[in-house]
Protein backbone atom coordinates (compact mmCIF):
# COMPACT_ATOMS: atom_id res chain seq x y z
CA MET A 1 -83.35 25.29 11.63
CA ALA A 2 -82.16 23.32 8.68
CA GLU A 3 -84.84 24.84 6.60
CA LYS A 4 -83.93 28.50 7.48
CA ARG A 5 -80.35 27.54 6.70
CA GLU A 6 -81.06 26.49 3.20
CA GLU A 7 -83.37 29.58 2.76
CA LYS A 8 -80.23 31.71 3.67
CA ARG A 9 -78.11 29.75 1.16
CA ALA A 10 -80.66 30.12 -1.56
CA ALA A 11 -80.84 34.03 -0.89
CA LEU A 12 -77.25 34.04 -1.33
CA ARG A 13 -77.01 32.06 -4.34
CA GLU A 14 -79.48 34.60 -6.05
CA ARG A 15 -77.55 37.80 -4.70
CA LEU A 16 -73.95 36.22 -6.00
CA ILE A 17 -75.87 35.27 -9.58
CA ASP A 18 -77.14 38.94 -9.73
CA ALA A 19 -73.95 40.36 -8.80
CA ALA A 20 -72.28 38.09 -11.21
CA GLU A 21 -74.85 39.03 -13.81
CA ALA A 22 -74.28 42.99 -13.42
CA ARG A 23 -70.49 42.71 -13.47
CA ILE A 24 -70.49 40.73 -16.32
CA ALA A 25 -73.01 43.04 -18.44
CA ASP A 26 -71.14 46.05 -17.53
CA GLU A 27 -67.39 44.88 -17.63
CA GLY A 28 -67.18 41.55 -18.95
CA LEU A 29 -66.18 38.28 -17.75
CA GLY A 30 -62.72 39.20 -17.03
CA ALA A 31 -63.99 41.55 -14.57
CA LEU A 32 -65.31 38.64 -12.27
CA LYS A 33 -63.47 38.69 -9.36
CA ALA A 34 -64.37 36.77 -5.84
CA ARG A 35 -63.75 39.52 -3.60
CA ASP A 36 -65.92 42.16 -5.47
CA LEU A 37 -68.52 39.59 -5.65
CA ALA A 38 -68.55 38.94 -2.00
CA ALA A 39 -68.66 42.64 -1.10
CA GLU A 40 -71.79 43.47 -3.62
CA ALA A 41 -73.48 40.36 -2.43
CA GLY A 42 -72.80 41.02 1.50
CA CYS A 43 -70.91 38.02 2.36
CA ALA A 44 -67.41 36.88 2.97
CA VAL A 45 -65.27 35.53 0.15
CA GLY A 46 -65.22 31.82 1.64
CA ALA A 47 -69.16 31.87 1.54
CA ILE A 48 -69.23 32.27 -2.42
CA TYR A 49 -67.57 28.74 -2.24
CA ASN A 50 -70.21 27.10 0.25
CA VAL A 51 -72.99 28.00 -2.48
CA PHE A 52 -70.87 27.30 -5.78
CA GLU A 53 -67.74 25.10 -6.22
CA ASP A 54 -65.93 27.80 -8.03
CA LEU A 55 -66.28 30.85 -10.07
CA ASN A 56 -67.08 28.87 -13.17
CA ALA A 57 -69.99 26.96 -11.48
CA LEU A 58 -71.20 30.64 -10.68
CA VAL A 59 -70.91 31.68 -14.24
CA MET A 60 -72.73 28.74 -15.51
CA ALA A 61 -75.64 29.54 -13.44
CA MET A 62 -75.50 33.12 -14.42
CA ASN A 63 -75.43 31.64 -18.25
CA GLY A 64 -78.70 29.78 -17.39
CA ARG A 65 -80.51 33.17 -17.18
CA THR A 66 -78.70 34.26 -20.34
CA PHE A 67 -79.47 31.23 -22.40
CA GLN A 68 -83.41 31.25 -21.40
CA ALA A 69 -83.19 35.09 -22.16
CA LEU A 70 -81.77 33.98 -25.48
CA GLY A 71 -84.09 31.07 -25.90
CA ALA A 72 -87.21 33.57 -25.40
CA ARG A 73 -86.16 36.17 -28.01
CA VAL A 74 -85.59 33.58 -30.64
CA ALA A 75 -88.89 32.04 -29.64
CA ALA A 76 -90.68 35.53 -29.98
CA SER A 77 -88.97 35.98 -33.40
CA GLN A 78 -91.26 32.87 -34.53
CA GLU A 79 -94.35 34.20 -32.95
CA GLY A 80 -97.13 35.01 -35.93
CA LEU A 81 -94.77 34.35 -38.64
CA ASP A 82 -95.64 32.68 -41.83
CA CYS A 83 -92.92 30.33 -42.45
CA ALA A 84 -94.00 28.87 -45.72
CA ASP A 85 -90.49 29.50 -46.78
CA PRO A 86 -88.26 28.12 -44.08
CA HIS A 87 -85.65 30.42 -44.99
CA ASP A 88 -87.97 32.97 -43.51
CA CYS A 89 -87.95 31.43 -40.19
CA LEU A 90 -83.96 30.92 -40.28
CA ILE A 91 -83.59 34.75 -41.13
CA ALA A 92 -86.05 35.91 -38.22
CA MET A 93 -84.14 33.87 -35.79
CA SER A 94 -80.79 35.26 -37.01
CA HIS A 95 -82.10 38.72 -36.66
CA ALA A 96 -83.19 37.86 -33.28
CA TYR A 97 -79.97 36.18 -32.13
CA LEU A 98 -78.08 39.32 -33.63
CA GLY A 99 -80.05 41.84 -31.91
CA PHE A 100 -79.79 39.68 -28.39
CA ALA A 101 -75.87 39.59 -28.92
CA ALA A 102 -75.65 43.55 -29.81
CA GLU A 103 -77.62 44.49 -26.48
CA ASN A 104 -76.08 42.28 -24.25
CA THR A 105 -72.89 41.64 -25.71
CA ASN A 106 -70.87 40.88 -22.46
CA LEU A 107 -73.70 38.24 -21.10
CA TRP A 108 -73.94 36.82 -24.63
CA ARG A 109 -69.72 36.50 -24.74
CA ALA A 110 -69.96 34.68 -21.05
CA LEU A 111 -71.91 32.01 -22.77
CA PHE A 112 -69.00 30.93 -25.07
CA ASP A 113 -66.07 32.70 -23.20
CA LEU A 114 -66.40 30.42 -20.21
CA LYS A 115 -63.98 27.63 -20.22
CA MET A 116 -65.86 24.47 -20.93
CA SER A 117 -65.86 21.63 -23.53
CA THR A 118 -67.27 18.26 -24.28
CA ASP A 119 -64.69 16.67 -22.07
CA THR A 120 -65.79 18.19 -19.09
CA ALA A 121 -69.14 17.83 -17.01
CA VAL A 122 -71.93 19.97 -18.17
CA PRO A 123 -75.35 20.35 -16.34
CA ASP A 124 -77.88 18.80 -17.85
CA TRP A 125 -80.15 22.24 -17.85
CA TYR A 126 -77.37 23.68 -20.03
CA LEU A 127 -77.38 21.04 -22.52
CA GLU A 128 -81.00 21.28 -22.37
CA GLU A 129 -81.11 25.07 -23.00
CA LEU A 130 -78.68 24.46 -26.00
CA ALA A 131 -80.91 21.94 -27.29
CA ARG A 132 -84.15 23.99 -27.22
CA LEU A 133 -82.02 26.46 -29.14
CA PHE A 134 -80.99 24.15 -31.92
CA ALA A 135 -84.45 22.66 -31.85
CA PHE A 136 -85.76 26.19 -33.53
CA ILE A 137 -83.13 25.76 -35.98
CA HIS A 138 -83.75 21.96 -36.63
CA GLU A 139 -87.31 22.52 -37.57
CA PRO A 140 -86.77 24.65 -40.75
CA LEU A 141 -83.84 22.41 -41.97
CA GLN A 142 -85.85 19.47 -41.92
CA ARG A 143 -88.18 21.36 -44.09
CA LEU A 144 -85.39 22.33 -46.62
CA TYR A 145 -84.08 18.88 -46.43
CA PRO A 146 -86.62 16.48 -46.13
CA GLY A 147 -84.66 13.55 -47.36
CA LYS A 148 -81.90 13.66 -44.78
CA ASP A 149 -81.95 11.57 -41.70
CA ALA A 150 -81.90 13.02 -38.32
CA ALA A 151 -78.01 12.70 -37.66
CA ASP A 152 -77.45 15.11 -41.00
CA ILE A 153 -79.89 17.47 -39.89
CA ASP A 154 -78.37 17.58 -36.57
CA LEU A 155 -74.89 18.15 -37.78
CA LEU A 156 -76.44 20.77 -40.22
CA THR A 157 -78.07 22.82 -37.22
CA ARG A 158 -74.77 23.27 -35.56
CA ALA A 159 -73.04 24.00 -38.94
CA LEU A 160 -75.77 26.66 -39.41
CA PHE A 161 -75.44 27.90 -35.99
CA SER A 162 -72.08 28.24 -35.88
CA SER A 163 -71.98 30.18 -39.39
CA VAL A 164 -74.22 32.68 -37.67
CA HIS A 165 -72.41 32.85 -34.58
CA GLY A 166 -69.33 33.41 -36.50
CA ILE A 167 -70.79 36.09 -38.37
CA VAL A 168 -72.09 37.85 -35.54
CA LEU A 169 -68.51 37.50 -33.23
CA LEU A 170 -66.52 38.81 -36.04
CA GLY A 171 -68.83 41.60 -36.97
CA LEU A 172 -69.53 42.85 -33.28
CA GLU A 173 -65.73 42.60 -32.28
CA LYS A 174 -65.11 44.79 -35.49
CA ARG A 175 -62.56 42.11 -36.85
CA ILE A 176 -60.94 42.97 -40.04
CA SER A 177 -62.75 39.66 -41.55
CA GLY A 178 -66.05 40.63 -40.50
CA VAL A 179 -68.18 43.53 -41.59
CA PRO A 180 -69.45 46.82 -40.32
CA ASN A 181 -72.37 46.57 -37.55
CA ASP A 182 -74.96 47.91 -40.00
CA ARG A 183 -74.38 44.94 -42.47
CA ILE A 184 -74.08 42.04 -39.93
CA ALA A 185 -78.00 41.09 -40.75
CA SER A 186 -77.57 41.41 -44.47
CA MET A 187 -74.54 39.34 -44.55
CA ILE A 188 -76.37 36.49 -42.48
CA GLU A 189 -79.37 37.00 -44.67
CA ILE A 190 -77.24 36.33 -47.57
CA VAL A 191 -76.02 33.05 -46.26
CA LEU A 192 -79.26 31.67 -44.98
CA ARG A 193 -81.14 32.51 -48.17
CA GLU A 194 -78.48 30.67 -50.10
CA PHE A 195 -78.92 27.76 -47.63
CA GLY A 196 -80.73 24.52 -48.93
CA PRO A 197 -81.02 22.54 -51.86
């Protein structure tokens, strides 16, 4: 009996994540409403909160899928690549990141638009996915800066990620300080080619 109940709960959890993912992909994070999700998942509104603490927890679970897809795209960008020059690795990763963001803009935005900070409890799996993404950047930076200690490389990793992310965000949002979409990759490449001692 308890096993059957857990199976139903797990199935509802997946339906809710699927519904949230579809809604956010189409309309963005702001369009996520409990009543709509319940209708799409075939449950009562209250049932959502039997599975997730709140809508943020549901979005966090959906973001796990997005993080995995983003990580897979970045990893694929390194397959078969001769990275004798670490800049080539970084540029390939940035192109993968930009491609993913451009093709999945609303899901990508949900990774960063969800109200979350270092002051709030973040699930371990979320931090592990972020660490996995940063590890891709970390390796070429270690080769560019062999004399720097691990703490400095970690800081450089976050700085470089923030730089690329900012260029992508400003470009995709067509902000006045950004560049046209067809120039985003070139702008990132200029920054990355100059990065290093």
